[in-house]
PDB file of N, CA and C in Angstrom:
ATOM      1  N   MET A   1    -168.740 -50.414 162.279  1.00  0.00           N
ATOM      2  CA  MET A   1    -169.210 -50.922 160.965  1.00  0.00           C
ATOM      3  C   MET A   1    -168.333 -50.280 159.933  1.00  0.00           C
ATOM      4  N   ILE A   2    -168.029 -51.099 158.909  1.00  0.00           N
ATOM      5  CA  ILE A   2    -167.153 -50.665 157.777  1.00  0.00           C
ATOM      6  C   ILE A   2    -168.011 -50.637 156.487  1.00  0.00           C
ATOM      7  N   SER A   3    -167.988 -49.575 155.742  1.00  0.00           N
ATOM      8  CA  SER A   3    -168.699 -49.478 154.473  1.00  0.00           C
ATOM      9  C   SER A   3    -167.794 -49.449 153.313  1.00  0.00           C
ATOM     10  N   ILE A   4    -168.070 -50.162 152.255  1.00  0.00           N
ATOM     11  CA  ILE A   4    -167.244 -50.296 151.077  1.00  0.00           C
ATOM     12  C   ILE A   4    -168.220 -50.095 149.870  1.00  0.00           C
ATOM     13  N   THR A   5    -167.722 -49.329 148.895  1.00  0.00           N
ATOM     14  CA  THR A   5    -168.451 -49.245 147.628  1.00  0.00           C
ATOM     15  C   THR A   5    -167.392 -49.639 146.531  1.00  0.00           C
ATOM     16  N   ALA A   6    -167.785 -50.582 145.708  1.00  0.00           N
ATOM     17  CA  ALA A   6    -166.955 -51.054 144.637  1.00  0.00           C
ATOM     18  C   ALA A   6    -167.647 -50.816 143.341  1.00  0.00           C
ATOM     19  N   ILE A   7    -166.932 -50.316 142.314  1.00  0.00           N
ATOM     20  CA  ILE A   7    -167.519 -49.961 141.078  1.00  0.00           C
ATOM     21  C   ILE A   7    -166.727 -50.727 139.954  1.00  0.00           C
ATOM     22  N   LEU A   8    -167.526 -51.449 139.116  1.00  0.00           N
ATOM     23  CA  LEU A   8    -166.934 -52.204 138.004  1.00  0.00           C
ATOM     24  C   LEU A   8    -167.642 -51.661 136.748  1.00  0.00           C
ATOM     25  N   LYS A   9    -166.748 -51.402 135.715  1.00  0.00           N
ATOM     26  CA  LYS A   9    -167.317 -51.081 134.430  1.00  0.00           C
ATOM     27  C   LYS A   9    -166.968 -52.102 133.405  1.00  0.00           C
ATOM     28  N   SER A  10    -168.069 -52.774 132.999  1.00  0.00           N
ATOM     29  CA  SER A  10    -167.941 -53.895 132.060  1.00  0.00           C
ATOM     30  C   SER A  10    -167.698 -53.468 130.659  1.00  0.00           C
ATOM     31  N   LYS A  11    -166.892 -54.252 129.917  1.00  0.00           N
ATOM     32  CA  LYS A  11    -166.849 -54.032 128.498  1.00  0.00           C
ATOM     33  C   LYS A  11    -168.199 -54.456 127.972  1.00  0.00           C
ATOM     34  N   PRO A  12    -168.805 -53.810 127.050  1.00  0.00           N
ATOM     35  CA  PRO A  12    -170.179 -54.129 126.595  1.00  0.00           C
ATOM     36  C   PRO A  12    -170.384 -55.556 126.221  1.00  0.00           C
ATOM     37  N   GLU A  13    -169.434 -56.149 125.578  1.00  0.00           N
ATOM     38  CA  GLU A  13    -169.579 -57.494 125.119  1.00  0.00           C
ATOM     39  C   GLU A  13    -169.418 -58.579 126.244  1.00  0.00           C
ATOM     40  N   HIS A  14    -169.107 -58.148 127.497  1.00  0.00           N
ATOM     41  CA  HIS A  14    -168.975 -59.079 128.592  1.00  0.00           C
ATOM     42  C   HIS A  14    -169.988 -58.797 129.740  1.00  0.00           C
ATOM     43  N   LEU A  15    -170.980 -58.030 129.359  1.00  0.00           N
ATOM     44  CA  LEU A  15    -171.952 -57.584 130.379  1.00  0.00           C
ATOM     45  C   LEU A  15    -172.626 -58.793 131.126  1.00  0.00           C
ATOM     46  N   LEU A  16    -173.143 -59.775 130.384  1.00  0.00           N
ATOM     47  CA  LEU A  16    -173.830 -60.880 130.967  1.00  0.00           C
ATOM     48  C   LEU A  16    -172.826 -61.746 131.750  1.00  0.00           C
ATOM     49  N   GLU A  17    -171.658 -61.943 131.267  1.00  0.00           N
ATOM     50  CA  GLU A  17    -170.694 -62.741 131.984  1.00  0.00           C
ATOM     51  C   GLU A  17    -170.295 -62.140 133.268  1.00  0.00           C
ATOM     52  N   ILE A  18    -170.076 -60.844 133.314  1.00  0.00           N
ATOM     53  CA  ILE A  18    -169.780 -60.212 134.635  1.00  0.00           C
ATOM     54  C   ILE A  18    -170.949 -60.300 135.527  1.00  0.00           C
ATOM     55  N   GLN A  19    -172.155 -60.080 135.039  1.00  0.00           N
ATOM     56  CA  GLN A  19    -173.307 -60.135 135.900  1.00  0.00           C
ATOM     57  C   GLN A  19    -173.443 -61.558 136.536  1.00  0.00           C
ATOM     58  N   ASN A  20    -173.150 -62.575 135.768  1.00  0.00           N
ATOM     59  CA  ASN A  20    -173.252 -63.930 136.322  1.00  0.00           C
ATOM     60  C   ASN A  20    -172.164 -64.182 137.380  1.00  0.00           C
ATOM     61  N   LEU A  21    -170.936 -63.640 137.118  1.00  0.00           N
ATOM     62  CA  LEU A  21    -169.860 -63.776 138.103  1.00  0.00           C
ATOM     63  C   LEU A  21    -170.189 -62.991 139.368  1.00  0.00           C
ATOM     64  N   LEU A  22    -170.771 -61.834 139.174  1.00  0.00           N
ATOM     65  CA  LEU A  22    -171.173 -61.073 140.366  1.00  0.00           C
ATOM     66  C   LEU A  22    -172.249 -61.657 141.161  1.00  0.00           C
ATOM     67  N   THR A  23    -173.231 -62.323 140.508  1.00  0.00           N
ATOM     68  CA  THR A  23    -174.331 -63.009 141.179  1.00  0.00           C
ATOM     69  C   THR A  23    -173.729 -64.164 142.103  1.00  0.00           C
ATOM     70  N   HIS A  24    -172.798 -64.870 141.575  1.00  0.00           N
ATOM     71  CA  HIS A  24    -172.138 -65.923 142.379  1.00  0.00           C
ATOM     72  C   HIS A  24    -171.368 -65.292 143.565  1.00  0.00           C
ATOM     73  N   LEU A  25    -170.641 -64.183 143.316  1.00  0.00           N
ATOM     74  CA  LEU A  25    -169.854 -63.529 144.384  1.00  0.00           C
ATOM     75  C   LEU A  25    -170.804 -63.030 145.446  1.00  0.00           C
ATOM     76  N   VAL A  26    -171.882 -62.380 145.135  1.00  0.00           N
ATOM     77  CA  VAL A  26    -172.855 -61.899 146.061  1.00  0.00           C
ATOM     78  C   VAL A  26    -173.452 -63.068 146.920  1.00  0.00           C
ATOM     79  N   THR A  27    -173.844 -64.115 146.262  1.00  0.00           N
ATOM     80  CA  THR A  27    -174.424 -65.250 146.953  1.00  0.00           C
ATOM     81  C   THR A  27    -173.424 -65.773 147.995  1.00  0.00           C
ATOM     82  N   GLU A  28    -172.190 -65.991 147.598  1.00  0.00           N
ATOM     83  CA  GLU A  28    -171.235 -66.518 148.556  1.00  0.00           C
ATOM     84  C   GLU A  28    -170.904 -65.556 149.660  1.00  0.00           C
ATOM     85  N   THR A  29    -170.727 -64.288 149.343  1.00  0.00           N
ATOM     86  CA  THR A  29    -170.335 -63.268 150.280  1.00  0.00           C
ATOM     87  C   THR A  29    -171.416 -63.114 151.378  1.00  0.00           C
ATOM     88  N   ARG A  30    -172.673 -63.171 150.982  1.00  0.00           N
ATOM     89  CA  ARG A  30    -173.732 -63.017 151.977  1.00  0.00           C
ATOM     90  C   ARG A  30    -173.764 -64.110 153.065  1.00  0.00           C
ATOM     91  N   LYS A  31    -173.087 -65.175 152.796  1.00  0.00           N
ATOM     92  CA  LYS A  31    -172.965 -66.290 153.778  1.00  0.00           C
ATOM     93  C   LYS A  31    -171.933 -66.008 154.876  1.00  0.00           C
ATOM     94  N   GLU A  32    -171.088 -64.989 154.641  1.00  0.00           N
ATOM     95  CA  GLU A  32    -170.013 -64.693 155.600  1.00  0.00           C
ATOM     96  C   GLU A  32    -170.603 -64.070 156.886  1.00  0.00           C
ATOM     97  N   ALA A  33    -170.112 -64.496 158.000  1.00  0.00           N
ATOM     98  CA  ALA A  33    -170.609 -64.048 159.302  1.00  0.00           C
ATOM     99  C   ALA A  33    -170.501 -62.519 159.519  1.00  0.00           C
ATOM    100  N   ALA A  34    -169.451 -61.927 159.012  1.00  0.00           N
ATOM    101  CA  ALA A  34    -169.231 -60.490 159.210  1.00  0.00           C
ATOM    102  C   ALA A  34    -169.965 -59.650 158.193  1.00  0.00           C
ATOM    103  N   CYS A  35    -170.568 -60.216 157.241  1.00  0.00           N
ATOM    104  CA  CYS A  35    -171.308 -59.459 156.136  1.00  0.00           C
ATOM    105  C   CYS A  35    -172.664 -58.977 156.727  1.00  0.00           C
ATOM    106  N   ILE A  36    -172.829 -57.627 156.706  1.00  0.00           N
ATOM    107  CA  ILE A  36    -174.104 -57.074 157.119  1.00  0.00           C
ATOM    108  C   ILE A  36    -174.954 -56.852 155.827  1.00  0.00           C
ATOM    109  N   ARG A  37    -174.251 -56.308 154.825  1.00  0.00           N
ATOM    110  CA  ARG A  37    -174.966 -56.015 153.575  1.00  0.00           C
ATOM    111  C   ARG A  37    -174.008 -56.156 152.398  1.00  0.00           C
ATOM    112  N   TYR A  38    -174.491 -56.728 151.311  1.00  0.00           N
ATOM    113  CA  TYR A  38    -173.691 -56.893 150.117  1.00  0.00           C
ATOM    114  C   TYR A  38    -174.670 -56.845 148.990  1.00  0.00           C
ATOM    115  N   ASP A  39    -174.954 -55.633 148.542  1.00  0.00           N
ATOM    116  CA  ASP A  39    -175.983 -55.407 147.481  1.00  0.00           C
ATOM    117  C   ASP A  39    -175.356 -55.075 146.197  1.00  0.00           C
ATOM    118  N   LEU A  40    -175.981 -55.557 145.138  1.00  0.00           N
ATOM    119  CA  LEU A  40    -175.550 -55.258 143.736  1.00  0.00           C
ATOM    120  C   LEU A  40    -176.561 -54.369 143.047  1.00  0.00           C
ATOM    121  N   HIS A  41    -175.994 -53.284 142.490  1.00  0.00           N
ATOM    122  CA  HIS A  41    -176.766 -52.377 141.675  1.00  0.00           C
ATOM    123  C   HIS A  41    -176.134 -52.231 140.273  1.00  0.00           C
ATOM    124  N   THR A  42    -176.942 -51.756 139.317  1.00  0.00           N
ATOM    125  CA  THR A  42    -176.403 -51.575 137.970  1.00  0.00           C
ATOM    126  C   THR A  42    -177.075 -50.464 137.271  1.00  0.00           C
ATOM    127  N   SER A  43    -176.271 -49.916 136.302  1.00  0.00           N
ATOM    128  CA  SER A  43    -176.774 -48.856 135.443  1.00  0.00           C
ATOM    129  C   SER A  43    -175.968 -49.013 134.127  1.00  0.00           C
ATOM    130  N   GLU A  44    -176.671 -49.469 133.058  1.00  0.00           N
ATOM    131  CA  GLU A  44    -176.034 -49.728 131.832  1.00  0.00           C
ATOM    132  C   GLU A  44    -174.903 -50.749 131.970  1.00  0.00           C
ATOM    133  N   ASN A  45    -173.647 -50.357 131.711  1.00  0.00           N
ATOM    134  CA  ASN A  45    -172.546 -51.298 131.822  1.00  0.00           C
ATOM    135  C   ASN A  45    -171.759 -51.177 133.119  1.00  0.00           C
ATOM    136  N   VAL A  46    -172.309 -50.454 134.096  1.00  0.00           N
ATOM    137  CA  VAL A  46    -171.673 -50.227 135.391  1.00  0.00           C
ATOM    138  C   VAL A  46    -172.356 -51.040 136.453  1.00  0.00           C
ATOM    139  N   PHE A  47    -171.565 -51.756 137.303  1.00  0.00           N
ATOM    140  CA  PHE A  47    -172.043 -52.487 138.430  1.00  0.00           C
ATOM    141  C   PHE A  47    -171.463 -51.860 139.727  1.00  0.00           C
ATOM    142  N   ILE A  48    -172.321 -51.702 140.706  1.00  0.00           N
ATOM    143  CA  ILE A  48    -171.922 -51.143 141.968  1.00  0.00           C
ATOM    144  C   ILE A  48    -172.245 -52.112 143.092  1.00  0.00           C
ATOM    145  N   LEU A  49    -171.197 -52.415 143.872  1.00  0.00           N
ATOM    146  CA  LEU A  49    -171.484 -53.234 145.061  1.00  0.00           C
ATOM    147  C   LEU A  49    -171.409 -52.322 146.266  1.00  0.00           C
ATOM    148  N   TRP A  50    -172.472 -52.408 147.079  1.00  0.00           N
ATOM    149  CA  TRP A  50    -172.585 -51.597 148.286  1.00  0.00           C
ATOM    150  C   TRP A  50    -172.448 -52.616 149.426  1.00  0.00           C
ATOM    151  N   GLU A  51    -171.421 -52.472 150.198  1.00  0.00           N
ATOM    152  CA  GLU A  51    -171.030 -53.394 151.265  1.00  0.00           C
ATOM    153  C   GLU A  51    -171.048 -52.824 152.648  1.00  0.00           C
ATOM    154  N   GLU A  52    -171.453 -53.557 153.620  1.00  0.00           N
ATOM    155  CA  GLU A  52    -171.246 -53.150 155.059  1.00  0.00           C
ATOM    156  C   GLU A  52    -170.772 -54.390 155.804  1.00  0.00           C
ATOM    157  N   TRP A  53    -169.741 -54.201 156.616  1.00  0.00           N
ATOM    158  CA  TRP A  53    -169.064 -55.232 157.309  1.00  0.00           C
ATOM    159  C   TRP A  53    -169.051 -54.908 158.834  1.00  0.00           C
ATOM    160  N   LYS A  54    -169.174 -56.001 159.655  1.00  0.00           N
ATOM    161  CA  LYS A  54    -169.203 -55.812 161.149  1.00  0.00           C
ATOM    162  C   LYS A  54    -167.900 -55.171 161.587  1.00  0.00           C
ATOM    163  N   ASP A  55    -166.750 -55.600 161.066  1.00  0.00           N
ATOM    164  CA  ASP A  55    -165.455 -55.110 161.560  1.00  0.00           C
ATOM    165  C   ASP A  55    -164.409 -55.421 160.519  1.00  0.00           C
ATOM    166  N   GLN A  56    -163.175 -54.904 160.773  1.00  0.00           N
ATOM    167  CA  GLN A  56    -162.083 -55.038 159.864  1.00  0.00           C
ATOM    168  C   GLN A  56    -161.623 -56.459 159.785  1.00  0.00           C
ATOM    169  N   ILE A  57    -161.709 -57.222 160.824  1.00  0.00           N
ATOM    170  CA  ILE A  57    -161.348 -58.646 160.794  1.00  0.00           C
ATOM    171  C   ILE A  57    -162.169 -59.430 159.774  1.00  0.00           C
ATOM    172  N   GLY A  58    -163.491 -59.117 159.822  1.00  0.00           N
ATOM    173  CA  GLY A  58    -164.430 -59.805 158.891  1.00  0.00           C
ATOM    174  C   GLY A  58    -164.188 -59.382 157.439  1.00  0.00           C
ATOM    175  N   LEU A  59    -163.842 -58.105 157.275  1.00  0.00           N
ATOM    176  CA  LEU A  59    -163.527 -57.565 155.885  1.00  0.00           C
ATOM    177  C   LEU A  59    -162.236 -58.301 155.424  1.00  0.00           C
ATOM    178  N   ASP A  60    -161.247 -58.386 156.301  1.00  0.00           N
ATOM    179  CA  ASP A  60    -160.019 -58.997 155.858  1.00  0.00           C
ATOM    180  C   ASP A  60    -160.213 -60.478 155.537  1.00  0.00           C
ATOM    181  N   LEU A  61    -161.039 -61.168 156.254  1.00  0.00           N
ATOM    182  CA  LEU A  61    -161.419 -62.562 155.919  1.00  0.00           C
ATOM    183  C   LEU A  61    -162.047 -62.589 154.540  1.00  0.00           C
ATOM    184  N   HIS A  62    -162.956 -61.702 154.270  1.00  0.00           N
ATOM    185  CA  HIS A  62    -163.621 -61.661 152.961  1.00  0.00           C
ATOM    186  C   HIS A  62    -162.605 -61.450 151.839  1.00  0.00           C
ATOM    187  N   ASN A  63    -161.656 -60.528 152.069  1.00  0.00           N
ATOM    188  CA  ASN A  63    -160.705 -60.199 151.037  1.00  0.00           C
ATOM    189  C   ASN A  63    -159.808 -61.362 150.735  1.00  0.00           C
ATOM    190  N   ASN A  64    -159.780 -62.377 151.526  1.00  0.00           N
ATOM    191  CA  ASN A  64    -158.903 -63.576 151.332  1.00  0.00           C
ATOM    192  C   ASN A  64    -159.679 -64.783 150.922  1.00  0.00           C
ATOM    193  N   GLN A  65    -160.987 -64.617 150.625  1.00  0.00           N
ATOM    194  CA  GLN A  65    -161.805 -65.745 150.209  1.00  0.00           C
ATOM    195  C   GLN A  65    -161.449 -66.194 148.789  1.00  0.00           C
ATOM    196  N   SER A  66    -161.407 -67.447 148.524  1.00  0.00           N
ATOM    197  CA  SER A  66    -161.012 -67.909 147.199  1.00  0.00           C
ATOM    198  C   SER A  66    -161.973 -67.445 146.094  1.00  0.00           C
ATOM    199  N   TYR A  67    -163.264 -67.345 146.471  1.00  0.00           N
ATOM    200  CA  TYR A  67    -164.285 -66.895 145.451  1.00  0.00           C
ATOM    201  C   TYR A  67    -164.089 -65.473 145.088  1.00  0.00           C
ATOM    202  N   LEU A  68    -163.601 -64.564 146.055  1.00  0.00           N
ATOM    203  CA  LEU A  68    -163.329 -63.193 145.712  1.00  0.00           C
ATOM    204  C   LEU A  68    -162.079 -63.124 144.791  1.00  0.00           C
ATOM    205  N   LYS A  69    -161.041 -63.842 145.173  1.00  0.00           N
ATOM    206  CA  LYS A  69    -159.833 -63.863 144.389  1.00  0.00           C
ATOM    207  C   LYS A  69    -160.104 -64.385 143.004  1.00  0.00           C
ATOM    208  N   ASP A  70    -160.911 -65.409 142.897  1.00  0.00           N
ATOM    209  CA  ASP A  70    -161.242 -66.000 141.579  1.00  0.00           C
ATOM    210  C   ASP A  70    -162.021 -65.007 140.821  1.00  0.00           C
ATOM    211  N   PHE A  71    -162.990 -64.285 141.444  1.00  0.00           N
ATOM    212  CA  PHE A  71    -163.780 -63.254 140.738  1.00  0.00           C
ATOM    213  C   PHE A  71    -162.811 -62.122 140.129  1.00  0.00           C
ATOM    214  N   ILE A  72    -161.887 -61.658 140.952  1.00  0.00           N
ATOM    215  CA  ILE A  72    -161.001 -60.638 140.462  1.00  0.00           C
ATOM    216  C   ILE A  72    -160.188 -61.122 139.318  1.00  0.00           C
ATOM    217  N   GLN A  73    -159.687 -62.320 139.407  1.00  0.00           N
ATOM    218  CA  GLN A  73    -158.856 -62.859 138.285  1.00  0.00           C
ATOM    219  C   GLN A  73    -159.653 -63.058 137.028  1.00  0.00           C
ATOM    220  N   LYS A  74    -160.883 -63.563 137.157  1.00  0.00           N
ATOM    221  CA  LYS A  74    -161.746 -63.836 136.000  1.00  0.00           C
ATOM    222  C   LYS A  74    -162.189 -62.553 135.259  1.00  0.00           C
ATOM    223  N   THR A  75    -162.443 -61.503 136.044  1.00  0.00           N
ATOM    224  CA  THR A  75    -162.953 -60.255 135.502  1.00  0.00           C
ATOM    225  C   THR A  75    -161.879 -59.318 134.958  1.00  0.00           C
ATOM    226  N   GLU A  76    -160.650 -59.610 135.286  1.00  0.00           N
ATOM    227  CA  GLU A  76    -159.552 -58.683 134.899  1.00  0.00           C
ATOM    228  C   GLU A  76    -159.596 -58.214 133.425  1.00  0.00           C
ATOM    229  N   ASN A  77    -159.880 -59.117 132.530  1.00  0.00           N
ATOM    230  CA  ASN A  77    -159.935 -58.770 131.100  1.00  0.00           C
ATOM    231  C   ASN A  77    -161.355 -58.521 130.635  1.00  0.00           C
ATOM    232  N   LEU A  78    -162.310 -58.506 131.512  1.00  0.00           N
ATOM    233  CA  LEU A  78    -163.721 -58.279 131.041  1.00  0.00           C
ATOM    234  C   LEU A  78    -164.171 -56.881 131.413  1.00  0.00           C
ATOM    235  N   VAL A  79    -163.376 -56.144 132.189  1.00  0.00           N
ATOM    236  CA  VAL A  79    -163.764 -54.785 132.600  1.00  0.00           C
ATOM    237  C   VAL A  79    -163.048 -53.774 131.735  1.00  0.00           C
ATOM    238  N   SER A  80    -163.644 -52.622 131.562  1.00  0.00           N
ATOM    239  CA  SER A  80    -163.047 -51.622 130.725  1.00  0.00           C
ATOM    240  C   SER A  80    -162.034 -50.713 131.468  1.00  0.00           C
ATOM    241  N   SER A  81    -162.041 -50.818 132.767  1.00  0.00           N
ATOM    242  CA  SER A  81    -161.054 -50.066 133.603  1.00  0.00           C
ATOM    243  C   SER A  81    -160.926 -50.873 134.901  1.00  0.00           C
ATOM    244  N   PRO A  82    -159.828 -50.591 135.660  1.00  0.00           N
ATOM    245  CA  PRO A  82    -159.628 -51.308 136.949  1.00  0.00           C
ATOM    246  C   PRO A  82    -160.827 -51.078 137.826  1.00  0.00           C
ATOM    247  N   ILE A  83    -161.140 -52.113 138.664  1.00  0.00           N
ATOM    248  CA  ILE A  83    -162.204 -52.067 139.637  1.00  0.00           C
ATOM    249  C   ILE A  83    -161.818 -50.993 140.680  1.00  0.00           C
ATOM    250  N   GLN A  84    -162.772 -50.076 140.961  1.00  0.00           N
ATOM    251  CA  GLN A  84    -162.501 -49.031 141.952  1.00  0.00           C
ATOM    252  C   GLN A  84    -163.218 -49.447 143.277  1.00  0.00           C
ATOM    253  N   VAL A  85    -162.399 -49.395 144.326  1.00  0.00           N
ATOM    254  CA  VAL A  85    -162.930 -49.739 145.679  1.00  0.00           C
ATOM    255  C   VAL A  85    -162.756 -48.570 146.628  1.00  0.00           C
ATOM    256  N   TYR A  86    -163.816 -48.152 147.264  1.00  0.00           N
ATOM    257  CA  TYR A  86    -163.773 -47.076 148.189  1.00  0.00           C
ATOM    258  C   TYR A  86    -164.227 -47.528 149.565  1.00  0.00           C
ATOM    259  N   LYS A  87    -163.412 -47.272 150.610  1.00  0.00           N
ATOM    260  CA  LYS A  87    -163.772 -47.523 151.957  1.00  0.00           C
ATOM    261  C   LYS A  87    -164.295 -46.164 152.420  1.00  0.00           C
ATOM    262  N   THR A  88    -165.604 -46.116 152.834  1.00  0.00           N
ATOM    263  CA  THR A  88    -166.244 -44.834 153.119  1.00  0.00           C
ATOM    264  C   THR A  88    -166.721 -44.702 154.519  1.00  0.00           C
ATOM    265  N   ALA A  89    -167.004 -43.486 154.933  1.00  0.00           N
ATOM    266  CA  ALA A  89    -167.572 -43.128 156.240  1.00  0.00           C
ATOM    267  C   ALA A  89    -168.879 -42.393 156.013  1.00  0.00           C
ATOM    268  N   GLN A  90    -169.939 -42.753 156.678  1.00  0.00           N
ATOM    269  CA  GLN A  90    -171.200 -42.145 156.555  1.00  0.00           C
ATOM    270  C   GLN A  90    -171.176 -40.693 157.150  1.00  0.00           C
ATOM    271  N   ILE A  91    -171.660 -39.751 156.411  1.00  0.00           N
ATOM    272  CA  ILE A  91    -171.619 -38.356 156.914  1.00  0.00           C
ATOM    273  C   ILE A  91    -173.007 -38.085 157.575  1.00  0.00           C
ATOM    274  N   LEU A  92    -174.056 -38.444 156.895  1.00  0.00           N
ATOM    275  CA  LEU A  92    -175.463 -38.139 157.408  1.00  0.00           C
ATOM    276  C   LEU A  92    -176.220 -39.369 157.535  1.00  0.00           C
TER     277      LEU A  92
END
């Protein structure tokens, strides 16, 4: 299993727009066969995606989906800093 944490920091004036784009992204991603978990969390203007994937092949397929590429392109000017993506390993 592969775990990913992605962190997006919205510009305050684009908070609702980013949340709507994320809602669409989560809905579409959860339909993918390799997706085990794709949860969205928030705190103020920060959005956190917590992802779990069956394997690297499934994650690679996800990374090439048109809705993900569209999301990245649409949010490029709506975030206050580049999206941070961490591939993590569980310790405990």
